[in-house]
Protein backbone atom coordinates (compact mmCIF):
# COMPACT_ATOMS: atom_id res chain seq x y z
CA UNK A 1 18.80 1.59 -23.96
CA UNK A 2 16.37 0.54 -21.20
CA UNK A 3 13.04 2.32 -21.01
CA UNK A 4 12.22 4.33 -17.93
CA UNK A 5 9.43 2.49 -16.08
CA UNK A 6 6.05 4.15 -15.66
CA UNK A 7 5.34 5.70 -12.28
CA UNK A 8 3.23 3.88 -9.71
CA UNK A 9 0.26 4.62 -7.46
CA UNK A 10 1.24 4.35 -3.80
CA UNK A 11 -1.13 2.79 -1.27
CA UNK A 12 -0.95 1.84 2.39
CA UNK A 13 -2.66 -1.06 4.09
CA UNK A 14 -3.47 -0.35 7.74
CA UNK A 15 -4.39 -2.68 10.60
CA UNK A 16 -5.37 -1.36 14.01
CA UNK A 17 -8.19 -0.03 16.14
CA UNK A 18 -10.28 2.88 14.82
CA UNK A 19 -8.48 5.73 16.64
CA UNK A 20 -4.91 4.68 15.72
CA UNK A 21 -5.98 4.16 12.10
CA UNK A 22 -7.46 7.66 12.00
CA UNK A 23 -4.30 9.22 13.52
CA UNK A 24 -2.13 7.32 11.04
CA UNK A 25 -4.37 8.34 8.13
CA UNK A 26 -3.90 12.07 8.77
CA UNK A 27 -0.13 11.68 9.20
CA UNK A 28 0.14 9.59 6.02
CA UNK A 29 -1.40 12.47 4.07
CA UNK A 30 1.43 14.71 5.31
CA UNK A 31 4.02 12.19 4.11
CA UNK A 32 2.51 10.83 0.88
CA UNK A 33 -0.01 13.41 -0.33
CA UNK A 34 -3.75 13.56 -0.83
CA UNK A 35 -5.76 10.35 -0.45
CA UNK A 36 -7.89 9.65 -3.49
CA UNK A 37 -9.38 6.26 -2.59
CA UNK A 38 -10.24 4.50 0.65
CA UNK A 39 -11.64 1.08 1.35
CA UNK A 40 -14.22 0.55 4.06
CA UNK A 41 -12.77 -0.57 7.38
CA UNK A 42 -13.20 -4.33 7.64
CA UNK A 43 -12.93 -6.54 10.71
CA UNK A 44 -9.44 -8.03 10.76
CA UNK A 45 -10.09 -11.62 11.79
CA UNK A 46 -7.71 -13.47 9.49
CA UNK A 47 -5.03 -14.13 12.10
CA UNK A 48 -4.19 -13.43 15.76
CA UNK A 49 -0.67 -12.36 14.74
CA UNK A 50 -1.21 -8.68 15.67
CA UNK A 51 -3.48 -9.12 18.71
CA UNK A 52 -0.81 -9.06 21.44
CA UNK A 53 0.77 -5.91 20.05
CA UNK A 54 -2.13 -3.96 18.54
CA UNK A 55 -4.98 -5.17 20.78
CA UNK A 56 -8.46 -6.56 20.20
CA UNK A 57 -11.19 -5.60 17.71
CA UNK A 58 -8.80 -4.74 14.90
CA UNK A 59 -9.83 -3.35 11.53
CA UNK A 60 -8.16 -3.45 8.12
CA UNK A 61 -8.36 -0.75 5.46
CA UNK A 62 -6.45 0.46 2.43
CA UNK A 63 -5.75 4.01 1.26
CA UNK A 64 -4.28 5.13 -2.04
CA UNK A 65 -2.62 8.45 -2.73
CA UNK A 66 -3.12 10.84 -5.60
CA UNK A 67 0.50 11.75 -6.43
CA UNK A 68 2.20 9.21 -8.67
CA UNK A 69 5.66 8.12 -7.53
CA UNK A 70 8.74 6.53 -9.04
CA UNK A 71 8.95 2.78 -8.40
CA UNK A 72 12.15 3.16 -6.39
CA UNK A 73 10.18 5.23 -3.86
CA UNK A 74 8.70 2.06 -2.33
CA UNK A 75 11.70 1.51 0.00
CA UNK A 76 11.47 5.13 1.16
CA UNK A 77 7.72 4.76 1.72
CA UNK A 78 8.29 1.64 3.83
CA UNK A 79 10.94 3.45 5.86
CA UNK A 80 8.60 6.41 6.48
CA UNK A 81 5.74 4.08 7.43
CA UNK A 82 7.95 2.14 9.85
CA UNK A 83 9.01 5.41 11.47
CA UNK A 84 5.37 6.50 11.72
CA UNK A 85 4.46 3.18 13.39
CA UNK A 86 7.18 3.87 15.99
CA UNK A 87 5.98 7.47 16.48
CA UNK A 88 2.42 6.22 17.15
CA UNK A 89 3.54 3.40 19.47
CA UNK A 90 2.46 3.35 23.12
CA UNK A 91 4.43 1.61 25.84
CA UNK A 92 6.85 0.14 23.31
CA UNK A 93 4.05 -1.49 21.28
CA UNK A 94 2.76 -0.43 17.91
CA UNK A 95 -0.83 0.78 17.80
CA UNK A 96 -1.14 0.42 14.03
CA UNK A 97 0.51 -1.66 11.31
CA UNK A 98 1.21 0.27 8.10
CA UNK A 99 2.34 -1.54 4.96
CA UNK A 100 2.95 0.57 1.85
CA UNK A 101 2.78 -0.88 -1.60
CA UNK A 102 1.95 0.17 -5.11
CA UNK A 103 -0.52 -0.44 -7.88
CA UNK A 104 0.20 -0.21 -11.57
CA UNK A 105 -1.49 -1.58 -14.66
CA UNK A 106 -0.28 -5.14 -14.08
CA UNK A 107 0.22 -5.76 -10.38
CA UNK A 108 -0.15 -4.89 -6.72
CA UNK A 109 3.24 -4.90 -4.99
CA UNK A 110 3.51 -4.98 -1.20
CA UNK A 111 6.56 -3.95 0.84
CA UNK A 112 7.79 -5.80 3.91
CA UNK A 113 10.78 -6.04 6.20
CA UNK A 114 10.69 -9.84 6.10
CA UNK A 115 12.59 -11.81 3.46
CA UNK A 116 11.20 -14.98 1.92
CA UNK A 117 11.70 -17.00 -1.26
CA UNK A 118 9.21 -15.00 -3.36
CA UNK A 119 10.40 -11.55 -2.21
CA UNK A 120 12.95 -9.27 -3.82
CA UNK A 121 15.24 -6.90 -1.95
CA UNK A 122 14.47 -3.25 -2.73
CA UNK A 123 17.01 -1.55 -0.45
CA UNK A 124 17.26 -0.07 3.04
CA UNK A 125 16.42 -3.44 4.63
CA UNK A 126 13.11 -3.89 2.79
CA UNK A 127 11.65 -6.40 0.35
CA UNK A 128 8.75 -6.41 -2.08
CA UNK A 129 6.42 -9.07 -3.38
CA UNK A 130 3.89 -9.15 -6.17
CA UNK A 131 0.75 -9.76 -4.14
CA UNK A 132 -1.89 -9.53 -6.88
CA UNK A 133 -1.52 -9.81 -10.65
CA UNK A 134 -3.86 -8.39 -13.24
CA UNK A 135 -5.23 -11.01 -15.61
CA UNK A 136 -7.72 -9.93 -18.28
CA UNK A 137 -8.58 -6.73 -16.40
CA UNK A 138 -9.03 -8.18 -12.90
CA UNK A 139 -6.65 -8.77 -10.02
CA UNK A 140 -5.94 -12.35 -8.94
CA UNK A 141 -3.99 -13.53 -5.89
CA UNK A 142 -0.79 -15.54 -5.92
CA UNK A 143 -0.26 -18.65 -3.80
CA UNK A 144 1.49 -16.54 -1.12
CA UNK A 145 -1.01 -13.67 -1.07
CA UNK A 146 -2.24 -12.85 2.44
CA UNK A 147 -5.90 -13.89 3.00
CA UNK A 148 -7.09 -10.31 3.58
CA UNK A 149 -5.67 -9.30 0.18
CA UNK A 150 -7.74 -12.08 -1.39
CA UNK A 151 -11.09 -10.76 -0.13
CA UNK A 152 -13.68 -9.29 -2.48
CA UNK A 153 -13.26 -5.94 -0.67
CA UNK A 154 -9.51 -5.91 -1.31
CA UNK A 155 -9.87 -6.92 -4.95
CA UNK A 156 -12.54 -4.25 -5.45
CA UNK A 157 -10.33 -1.59 -3.86
CA UNK A 158 -7.31 -2.50 -5.98
CA UNK A 159 -9.39 -2.69 -9.16
CA UNK A 160 -10.63 0.87 -8.42
CA UNK A 161 -7.07 1.99 -7.65
CA UNK A 162 -5.86 0.49 -10.93
CA UNK A 163 -8.56 2.36 -12.89
CA UNK A 164 -7.63 5.62 -11.11
CA UNK A 165 -3.96 4.93 -11.84
CA UNK A 166 -4.60 4.29 -15.55
CA UNK A 167 -6.68 7.47 -15.86
CA UNK A 168 -3.95 9.48 -14.13
CA UNK A 169 -1.19 8.02 -16.35
CA UNK A 170 -3.25 8.74 -19.47
CA UNK A 171 -3.96 12.33 -18.44
CA UNK A 172 -0.28 12.93 -17.57
CA UNK A 173 0.71 11.63 -21.02
CA UNK A 174 -1.59 14.05 -22.86
CA UNK A 175 0.20 16.90 -24.62
CA UNK A 176 0.55 19.92 -22.39
CA UNK A 177 -0.46 18.01 -19.26
CA UNK A 178 1.17 19.05 -16.04
CA UNK A 179 1.93 16.13 -13.81
CA UNK A 180 4.35 13.33 -13.55
CA UNK A 181 5.89 11.41 -10.74
CA UNK A 182 7.52 13.13 -7.84
CA UNK A 183 9.77 11.54 -5.25
């Protein structure tokens, strides 16, 4: 009989100006629970892809959430994030890009609405890709990993998130521990 997979640590990557990121941050807490880790906001100068829609002087940051989730929750998280992007839009244009994903002991998985050869369908019109893999205790990018996920700041954030995830999984597995993965 197949083993039930371990829960995952949900995160969101955000791209936008400072005010939209801050508005999104507070609304993400309502949807996904308490934030336990945050990266610094970094200048997002890897591509002009978002400039026409989100504006100039964009920043990138990542947030991870304390409650552990079931792996299948990723499609729901992407749906909720897409709805939040629409709720925060102005004049028919998004003000912030929100991409949920998850961290576990072996990988960082990112959700997307765009299919490609290295992505797997996860339901509700969404796909997932393994963006970073853990090799000998450190995350390494794949050939398709976005440049901002390859930065030292990103790797440091996801290494910290992995350590927090492992500590949380261990404490939940201890006899008498309350915890576990909610929806």
